[in-house]
Amino acid sequence: MKKKLIYLGITALLIACSSEKKTENLEETPVEVREDNTLTDDEKAEGWMLLFDGENVDGWRAYNGDSFPEGWTVEEGALKGLGLGGDIGGDIVFGAVEFSEFEMEFDWKIGEGGNSGVFYHVVEGEQYKAPYYTAPEYQVIDQLGFPQKLELWQSIGADYAMYDPDFEGAVKSAGEWNTSKIVFSEKGASYWLNGKKTVEFVPYSEDWNQRKNSGKWDEYPDYAMSKSGLIGLQDHGSAVWFKNIKIKRL
């Protein structure tokens, strides 16, 4: 009996020592803390570029405008839309560079009940009152707290009014930061939300053209006609924040 107790005591001691060693190893493992709105040397070498450095709004201006609008500001390292815009007006574009095939990542959060979006292939002109007249949109919205019922084509991570998203398990509450990604090439495109692929499609395919030429886009004949254009951020009447906006050509 004594031998058994001694054996159990030694075993418990070994387990305790092993647990302490594991804890020590975990504590010694350095955790990489990355600053917002920065690129690593590897990312720079891969061709990534920042569209916002957390302080300056260089390159950004009002859609169809020549200056940065009063409806946007910089707050704690993020571009913030104040919610002064609506269905028409309030949106901004990065007017310095156009993109065709690209990969883009960005972090965002939205106010309660808010609605916004990220545009690409934006075309400007007096005949267009807003980016969505010409540009595809990654839908940004408070999926959990939006005051009206949302159709799938209006939902978070959708290719707005084109491809319905699968967002199950990836949705966060309003006010929490999300990480999103757009990959666009003529061979195939995809949208991502917090690590999950929400939509996948082939631009300019027969299926894509059928969707484009029906429903909402009947009233917008120049929608998605351009294969290159500007990046845009939407102020749709609610507070929205964007940071870590980076992009590279494919």
C-alpha atoms as a PDB file:
ATOM      1  CA  MET A   1       0.000   0.000   0.000  1.00  0.00           C
ATOM      2  CA  LYS A   2       2.860   2.385   0.865  1.00  0.00           C
ATOM      3  CA  LYS A   3       4.583   1.556  -2.427  1.00  0.00           C
ATOM      4  CA  LYS A   4       1.373   2.366  -4.291  1.00  0.00           C
ATOM      5  CA  LEU A   5       1.017   5.709  -2.504  1.00  0.00           C
ATOM      6  CA  ILE A   6       4.662   6.555  -3.213  1.00  0.00           C
ATOM      7  CA  TYR A   7       4.157   5.684  -6.888  1.00  0.00           C
ATOM      8  CA  LEU A   8       1.048   7.866  -7.112  1.00  0.00           C
ATOM      9  CA  GLY A   9       2.870  10.718  -5.419  1.00  0.00           C
ATOM     10  CA  ILE A  10       5.798  10.535  -7.845  1.00  0.00           C
ATOM     11  CA  THR A  11       3.390  10.417 -10.804  1.00  0.00           C
ATOM     12  CA  ALA A  12       1.525  13.507  -9.586  1.00  0.00           C
ATOM     13  CA  LEU A  13       4.811  15.324  -9.072  1.00  0.00           C
ATOM     14  CA  LEU A  14       5.963  14.497 -12.614  1.00  0.00           C
ATOM     15  CA  ILE A  15       2.642  15.695 -14.070  1.00  0.00           C
ATOM     16  CA  ALA A  16       2.847  18.922 -12.091  1.00  0.00           C
ATOM     17  CA  CYS A  17       6.435  19.534 -13.228  1.00  0.00           C
ATOM     18  CA  SER A  18       5.456  18.807 -16.827  1.00  0.00           C
ATOM     19  CA  SER A  19       2.525  21.252 -16.624  1.00  0.00           C
ATOM     20  CA  GLU A  20       4.753  23.930 -15.120  1.00  0.00           C
ATOM     21  CA  LYS A  21       7.287  23.407 -17.904  1.00  0.00           C
ATOM     22  CA  LYS A  22       4.597  23.739 -20.568  1.00  0.00           C
ATOM     23  CA  THR A  23       3.326  26.912 -18.916  1.00  0.00           C
ATOM     24  CA  GLU A  24       6.848  28.318 -18.781  1.00  0.00           C
ATOM     25  CA  ASN A  25       7.346  27.528 -22.475  1.00  0.00           C
ATOM     26  CA  LEU A  26       4.075  29.237 -23.347  1.00  0.00           C
ATOM     27  CA  GLU A  27       5.035  32.287 -21.350  1.00  0.00           C
ATOM     28  CA  GLU A  28       8.388  32.428 -23.086  1.00  0.00           C
ATOM     29  CA  THR A  29       6.863  32.286 -26.585  1.00  0.00           C
ATOM     30  CA  PRO A  30       6.928  35.826 -27.984  1.00  0.00           C
ATOM     31  CA  VAL A  31       3.644  37.133 -29.372  1.00  0.00           C
ATOM     32  CA  GLU A  32       4.060  39.281 -32.473  1.00  0.00           C
ATOM     33  CA  VAL A  33       2.216  42.565 -32.103  1.00  0.00           C
ATOM     34  CA  ARG A  34       1.721  44.216 -35.456  1.00  0.00           C
ATOM     35  CA  GLU A  35       1.040  47.911 -35.732  1.00  0.00           C
ATOM     36  CA  ASP A  36      -2.023  48.985 -37.664  1.00  0.00           C
ATOM     37  CA  ASN A  37      -1.661  50.477 -41.135  1.00  0.00           C
ATOM     38  CA  THR A  38       1.804  49.080 -41.774  1.00  0.00           C
ATOM     39  CA  LEU A  39       3.363  46.626 -44.222  1.00  0.00           C
ATOM     40  CA  THR A  40       6.006  44.031 -43.479  1.00  0.00           C
ATOM     41  CA  ASP A  41       9.147  43.839 -45.599  1.00  0.00           C
ATOM     42  CA  ASP A  42       7.786  40.649 -47.173  1.00  0.00           C
ATOM     43  CA  GLU A  43       4.523  42.361 -48.107  1.00  0.00           C
ATOM     44  CA  LYS A  44       6.387  45.256 -49.669  1.00  0.00           C
ATOM     45  CA  ALA A  45       8.472  42.794 -51.682  1.00  0.00           C
ATOM     46  CA  GLU A  46       5.272  41.057 -52.839  1.00  0.00           C
ATOM     47  CA  GLY A  47       3.911  44.344 -54.188  1.00  0.00           C
ATOM     48  CA  TRP A  48       1.395  45.282 -51.491  1.00  0.00           C
ATOM     49  CA  MET A  49       0.657  48.980 -51.055  1.00  0.00           C
ATOM     50  CA  LEU A  50      -1.162  50.807 -48.260  1.00  0.00           C
ATOM     51  CA  LEU A  51      -4.069  53.029 -49.220  1.00  0.00           C
ATOM     52  CA  PHE A  52      -4.139  54.665 -45.770  1.00  0.00           C
ATOM     53  CA  ASP A  53      -1.340  55.130 -43.231  1.00  0.00           C
ATOM     54  CA  GLY A  54      -3.541  55.817 -40.216  1.00  0.00           C
ATOM     55  CA  GLU A  55      -2.885  59.562 -40.201  1.00  0.00           C
ATOM     56  CA  ASN A  56      -2.990  61.219 -43.607  1.00  0.00           C
ATOM     57  CA  VAL A  57      -5.782  61.093 -46.151  1.00  0.00           C
ATOM     58  CA  ASP A  58      -3.417  61.526 -49.100  1.00  0.00           C
ATOM     59  CA  GLY A  59      -4.996  60.130 -52.277  1.00  0.00           C
ATOM     60  CA  TRP A  60      -8.530  60.084 -50.863  1.00  0.00           C
ATOM     61  CA  ARG A  61     -11.208  62.516 -52.040  1.00  0.00           C
ATOM     62  CA  ALA A  62     -14.938  62.774 -52.575  1.00  0.00           C
ATOM     63  CA  TYR A  63     -16.419  60.733 -55.407  1.00  0.00           C
ATOM     64  CA  ASN A  64     -16.637  63.050 -58.439  1.00  0.00           C
ATOM     65  CA  GLY A  65     -14.852  65.647 -56.322  1.00  0.00           C
ATOM     66  CA  ASP A  66     -11.406  67.129 -55.893  1.00  0.00           C
ATOM     67  CA  SER A  67     -11.070  67.368 -52.091  1.00  0.00           C
ATOM     68  CA  PHE A  68     -11.570  65.288 -48.964  1.00  0.00           C
ATOM     69  CA  PRO A  69     -15.178  65.731 -47.759  1.00  0.00           C
ATOM     70  CA  GLU A  70     -16.343  66.911 -44.343  1.00  0.00           C
ATOM     71  CA  GLY A  71     -18.296  63.687 -43.883  1.00  0.00           C
ATOM     72  CA  TRP A  72     -15.108  61.717 -43.274  1.00  0.00           C
ATOM     73  CA  THR A  73     -12.352  62.058 -40.683  1.00  0.00           C
ATOM     74  CA  VAL A  74      -9.415  60.188 -39.148  1.00  0.00           C
ATOM     75  CA  GLU A  75     -10.140  58.673 -35.737  1.00  0.00           C
ATOM     76  CA  GLU A  76      -7.662  56.564 -33.767  1.00  0.00           C
ATOM     77  CA  GLY A  77      -5.875  55.303 -36.864  1.00  0.00           C
ATOM     78  CA  ALA A  78      -9.018  54.629 -38.901  1.00  0.00           C
ATOM     79  CA  LEU A  79     -10.830  56.366 -41.731  1.00  0.00           C
ATOM     80  CA  LYS A  80     -14.249  57.125 -40.282  1.00  0.00           C
ATOM     81  CA  GLY A  81     -17.404  57.915 -42.203  1.00  0.00           C
ATOM     82  CA  LEU A  82     -19.556  60.119 -40.013  1.00  0.00           C
ATOM     83  CA  GLY A  83     -22.863  58.995 -41.465  1.00  0.00           C
ATOM     84  CA  LEU A  84     -23.662  62.245 -43.254  1.00  0.00           C
ATOM     85  CA  GLY A  85     -24.117  60.534 -46.608  1.00  0.00           C
ATOM     86  CA  GLY A  86     -27.016  58.577 -48.009  1.00  0.00           C
ATOM     87  CA  ASP A  87     -28.028  56.693 -51.119  1.00  0.00           C
ATOM     88  CA  ILE A  88     -26.454  59.507 -53.121  1.00  0.00           C
ATOM     89  CA  GLY A  89     -23.460  61.486 -51.866  1.00  0.00           C
ATOM     90  CA  GLY A  90     -20.942  60.996 -49.106  1.00  0.00           C
ATOM     91  CA  ASP A  91     -18.742  58.306 -50.691  1.00  0.00           C
ATOM     92  CA  ILE A  92     -14.973  58.633 -51.104  1.00  0.00           C
ATOM     93  CA  VAL A  93     -12.485  57.163 -53.569  1.00  0.00           C
ATOM     94  CA  PHE A  94      -8.757  56.579 -53.607  1.00  0.00           C
ATOM     95  CA  GLY A  95      -8.170  58.682 -56.673  1.00  0.00           C
ATOM     96  CA  ALA A  96      -4.436  58.201 -57.091  1.00  0.00           C
ATOM     97  CA  VAL A  97      -4.397  54.756 -58.747  1.00  0.00           C
ATOM     98  CA  GLU A  98      -6.722  52.521 -60.753  1.00  0.00           C
ATOM     99  CA  PHE A  99      -6.795  48.752 -60.351  1.00  0.00           C
ATOM    100  CA  SER A 100      -8.020  45.939 -62.571  1.00  0.00           C
ATOM    101  CA  GLU A 101      -7.042  42.492 -61.199  1.00  0.00           C
ATOM    102  CA  PHE A 102      -6.072  42.697 -57.544  1.00  0.00           C
ATOM    103  CA  GLU A 103      -6.140  41.294 -54.029  1.00  0.00           C
ATOM    104  CA  MET A 104      -7.309  43.683 -51.328  1.00  0.00           C
ATOM    105  CA  GLU A 105      -7.562  43.354 -47.547  1.00  0.00           C
ATOM    106  CA  PHE A 106      -9.152  45.750 -45.086  1.00  0.00           C
ATOM    107  CA  ASP A 107     -10.431  45.903 -41.518  1.00  0.00           C
ATOM    108  CA  TRP A 108     -13.758  47.540 -40.747  1.00  0.00           C
ATOM    109  CA  LYS A 109     -16.410  48.045 -38.123  1.00  0.00           C
ATOM    110  CA  ILE A 110     -19.907  49.494 -38.380  1.00  0.00           C
ATOM    111  CA  GLY A 111     -22.241  51.411 -36.080  1.00  0.00           C
ATOM    112  CA  GLU A 112     -25.436  49.790 -34.817  1.00  0.00           C
ATOM    113  CA  GLY A 113     -27.922  49.288 -37.635  1.00  0.00           C
ATOM    114  CA  GLY A 114     -25.321  50.572 -40.089  1.00  0.00           C
ATOM    115  CA  ASN A 115     -24.858  49.992 -43.801  1.00  0.00           C
ATOM    116  CA  SER A 116     -21.774  50.606 -45.955  1.00  0.00           C
ATOM    117  CA  GLY A 117     -19.641  48.948 -48.598  1.00  0.00           C
ATOM    118  CA  VAL A 118     -16.350  48.786 -50.447  1.00  0.00           C
ATOM    119  CA  PHE A 119     -16.380  49.477 -54.188  1.00  0.00           C
ATOM    120  CA  TYR A 120     -13.900  48.603 -56.916  1.00  0.00           C
ATOM    121  CA  HIS A 121     -13.643  49.448 -60.615  1.00  0.00           C
ATOM    122  CA  VAL A 122     -15.289  52.781 -59.761  1.00  0.00           C
ATOM    123  CA  VAL A 123     -15.782  55.084 -62.759  1.00  0.00           C
ATOM    124  CA  GLU A 124     -16.425  58.794 -62.300  1.00  0.00           C
ATOM    125  CA  GLY A 125     -18.389  61.196 -64.474  1.00  0.00           C
ATOM    126  CA  GLU A 126     -21.216  63.703 -64.361  1.00  0.00           C
ATOM    127  CA  GLN A 127     -23.599  61.024 -65.629  1.00  0.00           C
ATOM    128  CA  TYR A 128     -22.943  58.904 -62.503  1.00  0.00           C
ATOM    129  CA  LYS A 129     -24.337  60.101 -59.190  1.00  0.00           C
ATOM    130  CA  ALA A 130     -22.689  57.427 -57.010  1.00  0.00           C
ATOM    131  CA  PRO A 131     -20.046  54.692 -57.283  1.00  0.00           C
ATOM    132  CA  TYR A 132     -22.648  51.924 -57.439  1.00  0.00           C
ATOM    133  CA  TYR A 133     -23.767  53.154 -60.863  1.00  0.00           C
ATOM    134  CA  THR A 134     -20.639  51.505 -62.256  1.00  0.00           C
ATOM    135  CA  ALA A 135     -18.854  49.597 -59.478  1.00  0.00           C
ATOM    136  CA  PRO A 136     -19.248  46.148 -57.902  1.00  0.00           C
ATOM    137  CA  GLU A 137     -19.592  46.257 -54.123  1.00  0.00           C
ATOM    138  CA  TYR A 138     -18.456  44.160 -51.171  1.00  0.00           C
ATOM    139  CA  GLN A 139     -21.365  44.558 -48.758  1.00  0.00           C
ATOM    140  CA  VAL A 140     -20.547  45.912 -45.286  1.00  0.00           C
ATOM    141  CA  ILE A 141     -23.543  45.948 -42.931  1.00  0.00           C
ATOM    142  CA  ASP A 142     -24.703  45.304 -39.363  1.00  0.00           C
ATOM    143  CA  GLN A 143     -26.072  41.865 -40.190  1.00  0.00           C
ATOM    144  CA  LEU A 144     -27.319  41.213 -36.652  1.00  0.00           C
ATOM    145  CA  GLY A 145     -28.808  44.598 -35.882  1.00  0.00           C
ATOM    146  CA  PHE A 146     -30.024  46.072 -39.163  1.00  0.00           C
ATOM    147  CA  PRO A 147     -33.532  47.483 -38.556  1.00  0.00           C
ATOM    148  CA  GLN A 148     -35.113  45.966 -41.687  1.00  0.00           C
ATOM    149  CA  LYS A 149     -35.162  42.384 -42.920  1.00  0.00           C
ATOM    150  CA  LEU A 150     -32.172  41.731 -45.140  1.00  0.00           C
ATOM    151  CA  GLU A 151     -32.375  39.651 -48.282  1.00  0.00           C
ATOM    152  CA  LEU A 152     -29.342  37.443 -48.911  1.00  0.00           C
ATOM    153  CA  TRP A 153     -28.179  39.649 -51.785  1.00  0.00           C
ATOM    154  CA  GLN A 154     -28.087  42.591 -49.339  1.00  0.00           C
ATOM    155  CA  SER A 155     -26.249  40.691 -46.622  1.00  0.00           C
ATOM    156  CA  ILE A 156     -22.752  40.939 -45.221  1.00  0.00           C
ATOM    157  CA  GLY A 157     -19.972  39.700 -47.494  1.00  0.00           C
ATOM    158  CA  ALA A 158     -22.234  39.635 -50.568  1.00  0.00           C
ATOM    159  CA  ASP A 159     -21.250  40.709 -54.040  1.00  0.00           C
ATOM    160  CA  TYR A 160     -24.089  43.181 -53.681  1.00  0.00           C
ATOM    161  CA  ALA A 161     -27.168  42.257 -55.737  1.00  0.00           C
ATOM    162  CA  MET A 162     -25.120  39.714 -57.676  1.00  0.00           C
ATOM    163  CA  TYR A 163     -23.999  36.760 -55.524  1.00  0.00           C
ATOM    164  CA  ASP A 164     -25.522  35.695 -52.195  1.00  0.00           C
ATOM    165  CA  PRO A 165     -23.011  35.179 -49.376  1.00  0.00           C
ATOM    166  CA  ASP A 166     -22.411  32.285 -46.993  1.00  0.00           C
ATOM    167  CA  PHE A 167     -21.548  34.186 -43.806  1.00  0.00           C
ATOM    168  CA  GLU A 168     -22.520  31.586 -41.194  1.00  0.00           C
ATOM    169  CA  GLY A 169     -20.087  31.602 -38.286  1.00  0.00           C
ATOM    170  CA  ALA A 170     -18.206  34.687 -39.477  1.00  0.00           C
ATOM    171  CA  VAL A 171     -20.519  37.508 -38.345  1.00  0.00           C
ATOM    172  CA  LYS A 172     -19.592  39.829 -35.482  1.00  0.00           C
ATOM    173  CA  SER A 173     -21.704  42.359 -33.619  1.00  0.00           C
ATOM    174  CA  ALA A 174     -21.763  46.038 -34.560  1.00  0.00           C
ATOM    175  CA  GLY A 175     -18.786  47.889 -33.147  1.00  0.00           C
ATOM    176  CA  GLU A 176     -16.413  44.907 -33.430  1.00  0.00           C
ATOM    177  CA  TRP A 177     -13.552  44.881 -35.933  1.00  0.00           C
ATOM    178  CA  ASN A 178     -13.786  42.567 -38.938  1.00  0.00           C
ATOM    179  CA  THR A 179     -11.163  41.544 -41.486  1.00  0.00           C
ATOM    180  CA  SER A 180     -12.275  41.242 -45.094  1.00  0.00           C
ATOM    181  CA  LYS A 181     -10.640  40.345 -48.382  1.00  0.00           C
ATOM    182  CA  ILE A 182     -11.496  40.742 -52.054  1.00  0.00           C
ATOM    183  CA  VAL A 183      -9.662  38.707 -54.688  1.00  0.00           C
ATOM    184  CA  PHE A 184     -10.560  39.740 -58.220  1.00  0.00           C
ATOM    185  CA  SER A 185      -9.242  38.303 -61.453  1.00  0.00           C
ATOM    186  CA  GLU A 186     -10.941  37.344 -64.678  1.00  0.00           C
ATOM    187  CA  LYS A 187     -10.157  33.697 -63.939  1.00  0.00           C
ATOM    188  CA  GLY A 188     -12.094  33.841 -60.686  1.00  0.00           C
ATOM    189  CA  ALA A 189     -13.060  36.131 -57.832  1.00  0.00           C
ATOM    190  CA  SER A 190     -13.863  35.626 -54.164  1.00  0.00           C
ATOM    191  CA  TYR A 191     -14.877  37.637 -51.106  1.00  0.00           C
ATOM    192  CA  TRP A 192     -13.828  36.750 -47.559  1.00  0.00           C
ATOM    193  CA  LEU A 193     -15.058  37.690 -44.078  1.00  0.00           C
ATOM    194  CA  ASN A 194     -13.037  36.936 -40.938  1.00  0.00           C
ATOM    195  CA  GLY A 195     -11.256  34.059 -42.658  1.00  0.00           C
ATOM    196  CA  LYS A 196     -14.336  32.562 -44.336  1.00  0.00           C
ATOM    197  CA  LYS A 197     -15.021  32.659 -48.075  1.00  0.00           C
ATOM    198  CA  THR A 198     -18.469  34.193 -48.497  1.00  0.00           C
ATOM    199  CA  VAL A 199     -18.814  34.231 -52.283  1.00  0.00           C
ATOM    200  CA  GLU A 200     -16.966  32.870 -55.293  1.00  0.00           C
ATOM    201  CA  PHE A 201     -17.696  33.648 -58.941  1.00  0.00           C
ATOM    202  CA  VAL A 202     -16.161  33.995 -62.397  1.00  0.00           C
ATOM    203  CA  PRO A 203     -16.423  37.589 -63.667  1.00  0.00           C
ATOM    204  CA  TYR A 204     -17.776  38.077 -67.202  1.00  0.00           C
ATOM    205  CA  SER A 205     -18.938  34.451 -67.391  1.00  0.00           C
ATOM    206  CA  GLU A 206     -22.355  33.472 -68.768  1.00  0.00           C
ATOM    207  CA  ASP A 207     -23.718  33.157 -65.229  1.00  0.00           C
ATOM    208  CA  TRP A 208     -22.250  36.534 -64.242  1.00  0.00           C
ATOM    209  CA  ASN A 209     -23.745  38.229 -67.309  1.00  0.00           C
ATOM    210  CA  GLN A 210     -27.179  36.764 -66.636  1.00  0.00           C
ATOM    211  CA  ARG A 211     -27.131  38.194 -63.107  1.00  0.00           C
ATOM    212  CA  LYS A 212     -25.817  41.538 -64.303  1.00  0.00           C
ATOM    213  CA  ASN A 213     -28.497  41.862 -66.980  1.00  0.00           C
ATOM    214  CA  SER A 214     -31.440  41.217 -64.679  1.00  0.00           C
ATOM    215  CA  GLY A 215     -32.970  42.625 -61.541  1.00  0.00           C
ATOM    216  CA  LYS A 216     -31.434  45.658 -59.860  1.00  0.00           C
ATOM    217  CA  TRP A 217     -28.910  46.502 -62.566  1.00  0.00           C
ATOM    218  CA  ASP A 218     -31.514  47.006 -65.320  1.00  0.00           C
ATOM    219  CA  GLU A 219     -31.540  50.687 -64.373  1.00  0.00           C
ATOM    220  CA  TYR A 220     -27.744  50.969 -64.440  1.00  0.00           C
ATOM    221  CA  PRO A 221     -26.502  50.000 -67.909  1.00  0.00           C
ATOM    222  CA  ASP A 222     -22.861  50.869 -67.116  1.00  0.00           C
ATOM    223  CA  TYR A 223     -22.698  48.724 -63.984  1.00  0.00           C
ATOM    224  CA  ALA A 224     -19.545  46.552 -64.028  1.00  0.00           C
ATOM    225  CA  MET A 225     -18.788  47.438 -67.634  1.00  0.00           C
ATOM    226  CA  SER A 226     -15.313  48.726 -66.778  1.00  0.00           C
ATOM    227  CA  LYS A 227     -12.608  46.168 -66.028  1.00  0.00           C
ATOM    228  CA  SER A 228     -10.548  48.701 -64.106  1.00  0.00           C
ATOM    229  CA  GLY A 229     -11.200  51.694 -61.893  1.00  0.00           C
ATOM    230  CA  LEU A 230     -10.857  53.256 -58.466  1.00  0.00           C
ATOM    231  CA  ILE A 231     -11.359  51.837 -54.980  1.00  0.00           C
ATOM    232  CA  GLY A 232     -14.216  53.468 -53.061  1.00  0.00           C
ATOM    233  CA  LEU A 233     -15.668  53.507 -49.527  1.00  0.00           C
ATOM    234  CA  GLN A 234     -19.345  54.123 -48.902  1.00  0.00           C
ATOM    235  CA  ASP A 235     -20.988  56.452 -46.384  1.00  0.00           C
ATOM    236  CA  HIS A 236     -24.578  55.233 -46.452  1.00  0.00           C
ATOM    237  CA  GLY A 237     -25.834  57.294 -43.519  1.00  0.00           C
ATOM    238  CA  SER A 238     -24.244  55.481 -40.583  1.00  0.00           C
ATOM    239  CA  ALA A 239     -20.916  55.550 -38.805  1.00  0.00           C
ATOM    240  CA  VAL A 240     -18.285  53.246 -40.324  1.00  0.00           C
ATOM    241  CA  TRP A 241     -14.545  52.790 -39.779  1.00  0.00           C
ATOM    242  CA  PHE A 242     -11.824  51.360 -42.058  1.00  0.00           C
ATOM    243  CA  LYS A 243      -8.152  50.640 -41.405  1.00  0.00           C
ATOM    244  CA  ASN A 244      -5.328  48.368 -42.612  1.00  0.00           C
ATOM    245  CA  ILE A 245      -6.441  48.961 -46.184  1.00  0.00           C
ATOM    246  CA  LYS A 246      -3.876  47.297 -48.435  1.00  0.00           C
ATOM    247  CA  ILE A 247      -3.887  46.089 -52.019  1.00  0.00           C
ATOM    248  CA  LYS A 248      -1.652  44.425 -54.599  1.00  0.00           C
ATOM    249  CA  ARG A 249      -2.022  43.868 -58.304  1.00  0.00           C
ATOM    250  CA  LEU A 250      -2.438  40.349 -59.629  1.00  0.00           C
END
